[in-house]
Amino acid sequence: MLSPLVVPAVEWRREEYLLSTDPLLLDIDWIHQQLSEHTYWARGQSRAMTERSLSASLPFGLYHRQQQVGFGRLVTDYSRFGWLCDVIIAQAWRGNGLASWLMHCLRQHPDLQTVRRWMLSTADAHEVYRRAGWRVVANPGHLMECPKS
């Protein structure tokens, strides 16, 4: 029988900022408000859905002096695949390179070093991700989806 994978929290620091994968530091109220009120992809989602998504992924909380100012989460198997989603930087904190720093640290996470397929989807932040080394899928014809009917 397989045992659940336990991944220890990892932290990075930059000036007065902390980026951490410790779920105990997350401000779930802030994350839910940002997702349900300020994003096009999760607008109106329930608190229960926010909590469920957090429990099933690797969270990256971004803090300035203990105040949450950013977030992203990775859906991963910790071996070959990672899907980056729900990346949020609070409006007042944008333009400081925080999203790029988050993506850099994500790729440096010690438990993700064997991941080779990194994916994400965005409707409006292509330039942010390009600056961090992401590119449009080389063979989009290889990707498939099964939309809910």
C-alpha atoms as a PDB file:
ATOM      1  CA  MET A   1       0.000   0.000   0.000  1.00  0.00           C
ATOM      2  CA  LEU A   2       1.267   3.462  -0.848  1.00  0.00           C
ATOM      3  CA  SER A   3       1.704   6.026   1.898  1.00  0.00           C
ATOM      4  CA  PRO A   4       0.643   9.639   1.356  1.00  0.00           C
ATOM      5  CA  LEU A   5       3.548  11.866   0.377  1.00  0.00           C
ATOM      6  CA  VAL A   6       4.549  14.292   3.104  1.00  0.00           C
ATOM      7  CA  VAL A   7       6.483  17.258   1.753  1.00  0.00           C
ATOM      8  CA  PRO A   8       8.114  19.589   4.289  1.00  0.00           C
ATOM      9  CA  ALA A   9       7.484  23.315   3.980  1.00  0.00           C
ATOM     10  CA  VAL A  10      10.120  25.333   2.141  1.00  0.00           C
ATOM     11  CA  GLU A  11      10.772  29.073   2.514  1.00  0.00           C
ATOM     12  CA  TRP A  12      12.571  31.759   0.524  1.00  0.00           C
ATOM     13  CA  ARG A  13      13.276  35.345   1.607  1.00  0.00           C
ATOM     14  CA  ARG A  14      13.831  38.505  -0.393  1.00  0.00           C
ATOM     15  CA  GLU A  15      14.172  41.791   1.492  1.00  0.00           C
ATOM     16  CA  GLU A  16      10.980  42.092   3.586  1.00  0.00           C
ATOM     17  CA  TYR A  17       9.184  39.326   1.676  1.00  0.00           C
ATOM     18  CA  LEU A  18       8.663  35.694   2.565  1.00  0.00           C
ATOM     19  CA  LEU A  19       7.546  33.005   0.134  1.00  0.00           C
ATOM     20  CA  SER A  20       6.493  29.807   1.886  1.00  0.00           C
ATOM     21  CA  THR A  21       4.826  26.497   1.124  1.00  0.00           C
ATOM     22  CA  ASP A  22       3.679  26.165   4.736  1.00  0.00           C
ATOM     23  CA  PRO A  23      -0.123  25.778   4.581  1.00  0.00           C
ATOM     24  CA  LEU A  24      -0.421  26.956   8.205  1.00  0.00           C
ATOM     25  CA  LEU A  25       0.691  30.460   7.168  1.00  0.00           C
ATOM     26  CA  LEU A  26      -2.006  30.875   4.510  1.00  0.00           C
ATOM     27  CA  ASP A  27      -4.632  33.557   5.009  1.00  0.00           C
ATOM     28  CA  ILE A  28      -7.501  31.545   3.584  1.00  0.00           C
ATOM     29  CA  ASP A  29      -9.940  34.456   3.928  1.00  0.00           C
ATOM     30  CA  TRP A  30      -7.630  36.619   1.789  1.00  0.00           C
ATOM     31  CA  ILE A  31      -7.073  33.873  -0.788  1.00  0.00           C
ATOM     32  CA  HIS A  32     -10.788  33.162  -1.074  1.00  0.00           C
ATOM     33  CA  GLN A  33     -11.625  36.850  -1.444  1.00  0.00           C
ATOM     34  CA  GLN A  34      -8.974  37.336  -4.129  1.00  0.00           C
ATOM     35  CA  LEU A  35     -10.112  34.270  -6.090  1.00  0.00           C
ATOM     36  CA  SER A  36     -13.862  34.718  -5.758  1.00  0.00           C
ATOM     37  CA  GLU A  37     -13.958  38.501  -6.236  1.00  0.00           C
ATOM     38  CA  HIS A  38     -10.916  39.488  -8.315  1.00  0.00           C
ATOM     39  CA  THR A  39     -10.244  36.729 -10.862  1.00  0.00           C
ATOM     40  CA  TYR A  40     -11.975  35.763 -14.081  1.00  0.00           C
ATOM     41  CA  TRP A  41     -11.370  32.038 -13.554  1.00  0.00           C
ATOM     42  CA  ALA A  42     -12.783  31.576 -10.036  1.00  0.00           C
ATOM     43  CA  ARG A  43     -15.213  34.484  -9.650  1.00  0.00           C
ATOM     44  CA  GLY A  44     -18.046  33.499  -7.376  1.00  0.00           C
ATOM     45  CA  GLN A  45     -16.610  30.176  -6.280  1.00  0.00           C
ATOM     46  CA  SER A  46     -17.613  28.966  -2.829  1.00  0.00           C
ATOM     47  CA  ARG A  47     -15.372  29.030   0.212  1.00  0.00           C
ATOM     48  CA  ALA A  48     -15.630  25.222   0.327  1.00  0.00           C
ATOM     49  CA  MET A  49     -14.264  25.003  -3.213  1.00  0.00           C
ATOM     50  CA  THR A  50     -11.366  27.306  -2.322  1.00  0.00           C
ATOM     51  CA  GLU A  51     -10.515  25.176   0.709  1.00  0.00           C
ATOM     52  CA  ARG A  52     -10.787  21.942  -1.269  1.00  0.00           C
ATOM     53  CA  SER A  53      -8.438  23.234  -3.973  1.00  0.00           C
ATOM     54  CA  LEU A  54      -5.907  24.303  -1.338  1.00  0.00           C
ATOM     55  CA  SER A  55      -5.953  20.916   0.354  1.00  0.00           C
ATOM     56  CA  ALA A  56      -5.229  19.125  -2.932  1.00  0.00           C
ATOM     57  CA  SER A  57      -2.203  21.135  -4.050  1.00  0.00           C
ATOM     58  CA  LEU A  58       1.129  22.614  -3.020  1.00  0.00           C
ATOM     59  CA  PRO A  59       0.504  26.219  -1.905  1.00  0.00           C
ATOM     60  CA  PHE A  60       2.941  29.099  -2.332  1.00  0.00           C
ATOM     61  CA  GLY A  61       2.016  31.976  -0.009  1.00  0.00           C
ATOM     62  CA  LEU A  62       3.739  35.319  -0.505  1.00  0.00           C
ATOM     63  CA  TYR A  63       3.954  37.641   2.507  1.00  0.00           C
ATOM     64  CA  HIS A  64       5.183  41.134   3.268  1.00  0.00           C
ATOM     65  CA  ARG A  65       5.798  41.526   7.004  1.00  0.00           C
ATOM     66  CA  GLN A  66       3.375  38.650   7.793  1.00  0.00           C
ATOM     67  CA  GLN A  67       0.627  40.123   5.544  1.00  0.00           C
ATOM     68  CA  GLN A  68      -0.355  37.910   2.626  1.00  0.00           C
ATOM     69  CA  VAL A  69       0.136  39.792  -0.645  1.00  0.00           C
ATOM     70  CA  GLY A  70       0.342  36.944  -3.143  1.00  0.00           C
ATOM     71  CA  PHE A  71      -0.441  33.337  -3.774  1.00  0.00           C
ATOM     72  CA  GLY A  72      -0.079  30.510  -6.265  1.00  0.00           C
ATOM     73  CA  ARG A  73      -0.594  26.791  -6.087  1.00  0.00           C
ATOM     74  CA  LEU A  74       0.805  23.813  -7.893  1.00  0.00           C
ATOM     75  CA  VAL A  75      -1.138  20.675  -8.726  1.00  0.00           C
ATOM     76  CA  THR A  76       1.595  18.064  -9.015  1.00  0.00           C
ATOM     77  CA  ASP A  77       2.613  14.446  -8.761  1.00  0.00           C
ATOM     78  CA  TYR A  78       6.039  15.553  -7.417  1.00  0.00           C
ATOM     79  CA  SER A  79       7.744  13.435 -10.043  1.00  0.00           C
ATOM     80  CA  ARG A  80       7.047  14.498 -13.633  1.00  0.00           C
ATOM     81  CA  PHE A  81       4.187  17.019 -13.854  1.00  0.00           C
ATOM     82  CA  GLY A  82       3.142  20.331 -12.340  1.00  0.00           C
ATOM     83  CA  TRP A  83       0.204  22.604 -13.189  1.00  0.00           C
ATOM     84  CA  LEU A  84       0.609  26.144 -11.884  1.00  0.00           C
ATOM     85  CA  CYS A  85      -2.669  27.863 -11.124  1.00  0.00           C
ATOM     86  CA  ASP A  86      -4.414  30.526  -9.053  1.00  0.00           C
ATOM     87  CA  VAL A  87      -1.444  32.911  -9.220  1.00  0.00           C
ATOM     88  CA  ILE A  88      -2.478  36.160  -7.561  1.00  0.00           C
ATOM     89  CA  ILE A  89      -0.520  39.243  -6.605  1.00  0.00           C
ATOM     90  CA  ALA A  90      -2.622  41.850  -4.781  1.00  0.00           C
ATOM     91  CA  GLN A  91      -3.151  44.952  -6.906  1.00  0.00           C
ATOM     92  CA  ALA A  92      -1.126  47.224  -4.593  1.00  0.00           C
ATOM     93  CA  TRP A  93       1.897  44.882  -4.789  1.00  0.00           C
ATOM     94  CA  ARG A  94       2.064  44.384  -8.557  1.00  0.00           C
ATOM     95  CA  GLY A  95       5.032  45.703 -10.488  1.00  0.00           C
ATOM     96  CA  ASN A  96       7.620  44.560  -7.927  1.00  0.00           C
ATOM     97  CA  GLY A  97       8.632  41.333  -9.671  1.00  0.00           C
ATOM     98  CA  LEU A  98       6.852  39.196  -7.088  1.00  0.00           C
ATOM     99  CA  ALA A  99       5.136  36.888  -9.587  1.00  0.00           C
ATOM    100  CA  SER A 100       8.446  36.286 -11.352  1.00  0.00           C
ATOM    101  CA  TRP A 101      10.127  35.576  -8.016  1.00  0.00           C
ATOM    102  CA  LEU A 102       7.340  33.124  -7.104  1.00  0.00           C
ATOM    103  CA  MET A 103       7.812  31.269 -10.394  1.00  0.00           C
ATOM    104  CA  HIS A 104      11.592  31.188  -9.975  1.00  0.00           C
ATOM    105  CA  CYS A 105      11.284  29.745  -6.459  1.00  0.00           C
ATOM    106  CA  LEU A 106       8.682  27.240  -7.618  1.00  0.00           C
ATOM    107  CA  ARG A 107      11.201  25.826 -10.094  1.00  0.00           C
ATOM    108  CA  GLN A 108      13.862  25.697  -7.345  1.00  0.00           C
ATOM    109  CA  HIS A 109      11.700  23.767  -4.864  1.00  0.00           C
ATOM    110  CA  PRO A 110      13.805  20.767  -3.774  1.00  0.00           C
ATOM    111  CA  ASP A 111      10.921  18.286  -4.069  1.00  0.00           C
ATOM    112  CA  LEU A 112      10.113  19.334  -7.644  1.00  0.00           C
ATOM    113  CA  GLN A 113      13.509  18.842  -9.264  1.00  0.00           C
ATOM    114  CA  THR A 114      12.398  15.849 -11.355  1.00  0.00           C
ATOM    115  CA  VAL A 115       9.339  17.642 -12.755  1.00  0.00           C
ATOM    116  CA  ARG A 116       9.825  18.111 -16.489  1.00  0.00           C
ATOM    117  CA  ARG A 117       6.382  19.132 -17.693  1.00  0.00           C
ATOM    118  CA  TRP A 118       5.323  22.497 -16.256  1.00  0.00           C
ATOM    119  CA  MET A 119       1.987  23.819 -17.476  1.00  0.00           C
ATOM    120  CA  LEU A 120      -0.333  26.733 -16.858  1.00  0.00           C
ATOM    121  CA  SER A 121      -3.175  28.522 -18.543  1.00  0.00           C
ATOM    122  CA  THR A 122      -3.659  32.275 -18.789  1.00  0.00           C
ATOM    123  CA  ALA A 123      -5.916  34.599 -20.724  1.00  0.00           C
ATOM    124  CA  ASP A 124      -4.095  37.839 -19.951  1.00  0.00           C
ATOM    125  CA  ALA A 125      -0.671  37.417 -18.308  1.00  0.00           C
ATOM    126  CA  HIS A 126       1.423  35.950 -21.118  1.00  0.00           C
ATOM    127  CA  GLU A 127       4.161  38.585 -20.786  1.00  0.00           C
ATOM    128  CA  VAL A 128       4.550  38.004 -17.043  1.00  0.00           C
ATOM    129  CA  TYR A 129       5.074  34.300 -17.634  1.00  0.00           C
ATOM    130  CA  ARG A 130       7.338  34.808 -20.681  1.00  0.00           C
ATOM    131  CA  ARG A 131       9.675  36.941 -18.575  1.00  0.00           C
ATOM    132  CA  ALA A 132       9.884  34.021 -16.135  1.00  0.00           C
ATOM    133  CA  GLY A 133      10.871  31.557 -18.870  1.00  0.00           C
ATOM    134  CA  TRP A 134       7.483  30.143 -19.881  1.00  0.00           C
ATOM    135  CA  ARG A 135       6.450  29.830 -23.534  1.00  0.00           C
ATOM    136  CA  VAL A 136       3.385  28.970 -25.555  1.00  0.00           C
ATOM    137  CA  VAL A 137       2.994  25.198 -25.927  1.00  0.00           C
ATOM    138  CA  ALA A 138       5.150  24.015 -28.838  1.00  0.00           C
ATOM    139  CA  ASN A 139       2.683  21.331 -29.941  1.00  0.00           C
ATOM    140  CA  PRO A 140      -0.797  22.434 -28.916  1.00  0.00           C
ATOM    141  CA  GLY A 141      -2.250  19.641 -31.018  1.00  0.00           C
ATOM    142  CA  HIS A 142      -0.905  17.174 -28.459  1.00  0.00           C
ATOM    143  CA  LEU A 143      -3.017  18.701 -25.696  1.00  0.00           C
ATOM    144  CA  MET A 144      -6.596  17.676 -25.201  1.00  0.00           C
ATOM    145  CA  GLU A 145      -9.345  18.694 -22.849  1.00  0.00           C
ATOM    146  CA  CYS A 146     -12.653  17.247 -21.806  1.00  0.00           C
ATOM    147  CA  PRO A 147     -14.962  20.177 -21.098  1.00  0.00           C
ATOM    148  CA  LYS A 148     -17.878  19.663 -18.778  1.00  0.00           C
ATOM    149  CA  SER A 149     -21.041  19.336 -20.837  1.00  0.00           C
END
